[in-house]
Amino acid sequence: MDKEFELKPDNNRKSFYGKAKIVTDNGVSDLISYTTKVASYNHFTNKMSVFGWFSATTARHINAFLEYFNFKTCNKKELENYNNE
């Protein structure tokens, strides 16, 4: 594993309280929300993968992850059908 750190929310919230972390290994960053991998970003191909809708809280984690890597945020329907727009 190359790197692991807690994902921070946008300026409107203080913290995700350790419930969202990014784990980067071999050029791929995975978002772990609670204990589930919910999204991945491949640094080599610039491809973002989102693995569906889980909950409102996890959607906030995913949107913070998208923003962190300069992708646009998504609503519930967009997260359910995410295809690296």
N, C-alpha and C. Protein backbone atom coordinates (compact mmCIF):
# COMPACT_ATOMS: atom_id res chain seq x y z
N MET A 1 0.85 -1.18 0.00
CA MET A 1 0.00 0.00 0.00
C MET A 1 0.89 1.24 0.00
N ASP A 2 0.60 2.16 -0.87
CA ASP A 2 1.39 3.38 -0.98
C ASP A 2 0.98 4.42 0.05
N LYS A 3 -0.32 4.63 0.23
CA LYS A 3 -0.77 5.75 1.04
C LYS A 3 -2.22 5.54 1.48
N GLU A 4 -2.53 5.98 2.69
CA GLU A 4 -3.90 5.93 3.21
C GLU A 4 -4.13 7.17 4.05
N PHE A 5 -5.28 7.84 3.82
CA PHE A 5 -5.60 9.02 4.62
C PHE A 5 -7.11 9.22 4.67
N GLU A 6 -7.53 9.97 5.67
CA GLU A 6 -8.95 10.27 5.85
C GLU A 6 -9.38 11.33 4.84
N LEU A 7 -10.50 11.08 4.18
CA LEU A 7 -11.08 12.05 3.26
C LEU A 7 -11.76 13.15 4.07
N LYS A 8 -11.51 14.38 3.69
CA LYS A 8 -12.11 15.53 4.37
C LYS A 8 -13.28 16.05 3.53
N PRO A 9 -14.36 16.47 4.16
CA PRO A 9 -15.51 17.00 3.43
C PRO A 9 -15.25 18.43 2.94
N ASP A 10 -16.22 18.95 2.21
CA ASP A 10 -16.13 20.35 1.78
C ASP A 10 -16.16 21.27 2.99
N ASN A 11 -16.09 22.54 2.78
CA ASN A 11 -16.00 23.51 3.87
C ASN A 11 -17.24 23.59 4.76
N ASN A 12 -18.35 23.03 4.32
CA ASN A 12 -19.58 23.13 5.10
C ASN A 12 -19.63 22.16 6.29
N ARG A 13 -18.78 21.17 6.29
CA ARG A 13 -18.81 20.16 7.35
C ARG A 13 -17.44 20.08 8.02
N LYS A 14 -17.45 19.73 9.27
CA LYS A 14 -16.20 19.65 10.02
C LYS A 14 -15.40 18.40 9.69
N SER A 15 -16.07 17.25 9.57
CA SER A 15 -15.36 16.00 9.40
C SER A 15 -16.32 14.90 8.98
N PHE A 16 -15.77 13.85 8.40
CA PHE A 16 -16.54 12.62 8.17
C PHE A 16 -16.32 11.65 9.32
N TYR A 17 -15.64 12.09 10.36
CA TYR A 17 -15.43 11.33 11.59
C TYR A 17 -14.79 9.96 11.35
N GLY A 18 -13.85 9.93 10.41
CA GLY A 18 -13.12 8.70 10.15
C GLY A 18 -13.89 7.65 9.36
N LYS A 19 -15.05 8.00 8.86
CA LYS A 19 -15.89 7.03 8.14
C LYS A 19 -15.55 6.93 6.66
N ALA A 20 -14.71 7.85 6.14
CA ALA A 20 -14.34 7.83 4.72
C ALA A 20 -12.82 7.97 4.62
N LYS A 21 -12.21 7.04 3.91
CA LYS A 21 -10.76 7.14 3.72
C LYS A 21 -10.40 6.79 2.29
N ILE A 22 -9.26 7.32 1.86
CA ILE A 22 -8.73 7.03 0.54
C ILE A 22 -7.49 6.16 0.72
N VAL A 23 -7.47 5.05 0.01
CA VAL A 23 -6.33 4.14 0.03
C VAL A 23 -5.77 4.10 -1.39
N THR A 24 -4.52 4.50 -1.54
CA THR A 24 -3.88 4.52 -2.85
C THR A 24 -2.81 3.45 -2.91
N ASP A 25 -2.86 2.65 -3.97
CA ASP A 25 -1.90 1.57 -4.16
C ASP A 25 -1.72 1.38 -5.66
N ASN A 26 -0.49 1.36 -6.12
CA ASN A 26 -0.17 1.10 -7.53
C ASN A 26 -0.93 2.00 -8.49
N GLY A 27 -1.06 3.27 -8.16
CA GLY A 27 -1.68 4.23 -9.06
C GLY A 27 -3.20 4.23 -9.07
N VAL A 28 -3.82 3.53 -8.14
CA VAL A 28 -5.28 3.51 -8.03
C VAL A 28 -5.67 3.93 -6.62
N SER A 29 -6.55 4.92 -6.55
CA SER A 29 -7.07 5.38 -5.25
C SER A 29 -8.48 4.85 -5.07
N ASP A 30 -8.70 4.15 -3.98
CA ASP A 30 -10.03 3.62 -3.64
C ASP A 30 -10.63 4.43 -2.52
N LEU A 31 -11.91 4.72 -2.63
CA LEU A 31 -12.65 5.35 -1.54
C LEU A 31 -13.32 4.26 -0.73
N ILE A 32 -13.00 4.22 0.55
CA ILE A 32 -13.61 3.27 1.48
C ILE A 32 -14.56 4.08 2.36
N SER A 33 -15.85 3.79 2.24
CA SER A 33 -16.87 4.44 3.06
C SER A 33 -17.33 3.42 4.09
N TYR A 34 -17.12 3.73 5.35
CA TYR A 34 -17.29 2.77 6.43
C TYR A 34 -16.33 1.62 6.17
N THR A 35 -16.78 0.48 5.68
CA THR A 35 -15.87 -0.64 5.38
C THR A 35 -16.00 -1.12 3.94
N THR A 36 -16.70 -0.35 3.09
CA THR A 36 -17.00 -0.78 1.73
C THR A 36 -16.29 0.09 0.71
N LYS A 37 -15.67 -0.54 -0.29
CA LYS A 37 -15.08 0.21 -1.41
C LYS A 37 -16.23 0.68 -2.30
N VAL A 38 -16.39 2.01 -2.41
CA VAL A 38 -17.54 2.56 -3.13
C VAL A 38 -17.15 3.31 -4.40
N ALA A 39 -15.87 3.62 -4.57
CA ALA A 39 -15.40 4.31 -5.77
C ALA A 39 -13.90 4.11 -5.91
N SER A 40 -13.42 4.25 -7.16
CA SER A 40 -11.99 4.13 -7.44
C SER A 40 -11.60 5.15 -8.50
N TYR A 41 -10.37 5.63 -8.37
CA TYR A 41 -9.82 6.53 -9.38
C TYR A 41 -8.48 5.97 -9.84
N ASN A 42 -8.35 5.77 -11.17
CA ASN A 42 -7.11 5.29 -11.75
C ASN A 42 -6.31 6.50 -12.21
N HIS A 43 -5.17 6.74 -11.58
CA HIS A 43 -4.35 7.91 -11.88
C HIS A 43 -3.69 7.82 -13.26
N PHE A 44 -3.49 6.62 -13.77
CA PHE A 44 -2.84 6.44 -15.07
C PHE A 44 -3.79 6.72 -16.23
N THR A 45 -5.04 6.29 -16.09
CA THR A 45 -6.01 6.44 -17.19
C THR A 45 -6.97 7.61 -16.96
N ASN A 46 -6.92 8.24 -15.77
CA ASN A 46 -7.84 9.31 -15.39
C ASN A 46 -9.29 8.82 -15.41
N LYS A 47 -9.49 7.55 -15.09
CA LYS A 47 -10.84 6.98 -15.08
C LYS A 47 -11.35 6.89 -13.65
N MET A 48 -12.55 7.40 -13.46
CA MET A 48 -13.24 7.33 -12.17
C MET A 48 -14.32 6.26 -12.27
N SER A 49 -14.40 5.42 -11.27
CA SER A 49 -15.45 4.40 -11.19
C SER A 49 -16.21 4.59 -9.89
N VAL A 50 -17.53 4.61 -9.98
CA VAL A 50 -18.40 4.68 -8.81
C VAL A 50 -19.26 3.44 -8.84
N PHE A 51 -19.35 2.76 -7.71
CA PHE A 51 -19.98 1.45 -7.67
C PHE A 51 -21.44 1.48 -7.23
N GLY A 52 -22.14 2.60 -7.51
CA GLY A 52 -23.57 2.66 -7.26
C GLY A 52 -23.95 3.55 -6.09
N TRP A 53 -25.21 3.49 -5.75
CA TRP A 53 -25.79 4.27 -4.65
C TRP A 53 -25.83 3.38 -3.42
N PHE A 54 -25.42 3.92 -2.28
CA PHE A 54 -25.40 3.13 -1.05
C PHE A 54 -26.28 3.78 0.02
N SER A 55 -26.06 5.06 0.29
CA SER A 55 -26.84 5.81 1.28
C SER A 55 -26.55 7.29 1.07
N ALA A 56 -27.32 8.13 1.73
CA ALA A 56 -27.09 9.58 1.62
C ALA A 56 -25.70 9.95 2.16
N THR A 57 -25.32 9.33 3.27
CA THR A 57 -24.00 9.63 3.85
C THR A 57 -22.89 9.18 2.93
N THR A 58 -22.98 7.98 2.40
CA THR A 58 -21.96 7.50 1.49
C THR A 58 -21.94 8.34 0.21
N ALA A 59 -23.08 8.82 -0.23
CA ALA A 59 -23.12 9.71 -1.40
C ALA A 59 -22.32 10.99 -1.13
N ARG A 60 -22.38 11.50 0.09
CA ARG A 60 -21.56 12.67 0.45
C ARG A 60 -20.08 12.31 0.39
N HIS A 61 -19.74 11.12 0.85
CA HIS A 61 -18.35 10.67 0.77
C HIS A 61 -17.91 10.59 -0.70
N ILE A 62 -18.74 9.97 -1.54
CA ILE A 62 -18.41 9.81 -2.96
C ILE A 62 -18.26 11.18 -3.62
N ASN A 63 -19.16 12.09 -3.35
CA ASN A 63 -19.06 13.42 -3.96
C ASN A 63 -17.81 14.16 -3.50
N ALA A 64 -17.42 14.00 -2.26
CA ALA A 64 -16.18 14.61 -1.79
C ALA A 64 -14.98 13.98 -2.51
N PHE A 65 -15.03 12.68 -2.75
CA PHE A 65 -13.98 11.96 -3.49
C PHE A 65 -13.92 12.47 -4.93
N LEU A 66 -15.08 12.61 -5.56
CA LEU A 66 -15.13 13.15 -6.93
C LEU A 66 -14.51 14.54 -6.98
N GLU A 67 -14.90 15.40 -6.04
CA GLU A 67 -14.35 16.76 -6.00
C GLU A 67 -12.85 16.74 -5.76
N TYR A 68 -12.39 15.87 -4.89
CA TYR A 68 -10.97 15.78 -4.57
C TYR A 68 -10.14 15.55 -5.84
N PHE A 69 -10.68 14.74 -6.76
CA PHE A 69 -9.97 14.44 -8.00
C PHE A 69 -10.48 15.26 -9.18
N ASN A 70 -11.18 16.36 -8.88
CA ASN A 70 -11.65 17.33 -9.89
C ASN A 70 -12.66 16.77 -10.88
N PHE A 71 -13.54 15.90 -10.39
CA PHE A 71 -14.68 15.43 -11.18
C PHE A 71 -15.92 16.14 -10.66
N LYS A 72 -16.95 16.23 -11.49
CA LYS A 72 -18.16 16.90 -11.03
C LYS A 72 -18.93 15.98 -10.07
N THR A 73 -19.61 16.62 -9.13
CA THR A 73 -20.41 15.85 -8.17
C THR A 73 -21.69 15.36 -8.85
N CYS A 74 -22.35 14.42 -8.20
CA CYS A 74 -23.50 13.76 -8.80
C CYS A 74 -24.67 13.66 -7.83
N ASN A 75 -25.87 13.60 -8.40
CA ASN A 75 -27.05 13.31 -7.59
C ASN A 75 -27.23 11.78 -7.53
N LYS A 76 -28.28 11.34 -6.86
CA LYS A 76 -28.49 9.91 -6.65
C LYS A 76 -28.57 9.14 -7.97
N LYS A 77 -29.37 9.63 -8.91
CA LYS A 77 -29.53 8.92 -10.18
C LYS A 77 -28.21 8.84 -10.93
N GLU A 78 -27.44 9.93 -10.92
CA GLU A 78 -26.15 9.93 -11.60
C GLU A 78 -25.17 8.96 -10.95
N LEU A 79 -25.20 8.86 -9.61
CA LEU A 79 -24.32 7.90 -8.94
C LEU A 79 -24.70 6.47 -9.27
N GLU A 80 -26.00 6.21 -9.40
CA GLU A 80 -26.46 4.86 -9.74
C GLU A 80 -25.98 4.45 -11.13
N ASN A 81 -25.79 5.42 -12.00
CA ASN A 81 -25.43 5.13 -13.40
C ASN A 81 -24.11 5.77 -13.80
N TYR A 82 -23.20 5.94 -12.86
CA TYR A 82 -21.97 6.68 -13.13
C TYR A 82 -21.13 6.02 -14.20
N ASN A 83 -20.63 6.83 -15.16
CA ASN A 83 -19.82 6.27 -16.25
C ASN A 83 -18.66 7.16 -16.64
N ASN A 84 -18.06 7.84 -15.70
CA ASN A 84 -16.86 8.66 -15.94
C ASN A 84 -17.13 9.74 -16.97
N GLU A 85 -18.09 10.57 -16.70
CA GLU A 85 -18.47 11.66 -17.63
C GLU A 85 -17.34 12.63 -17.82
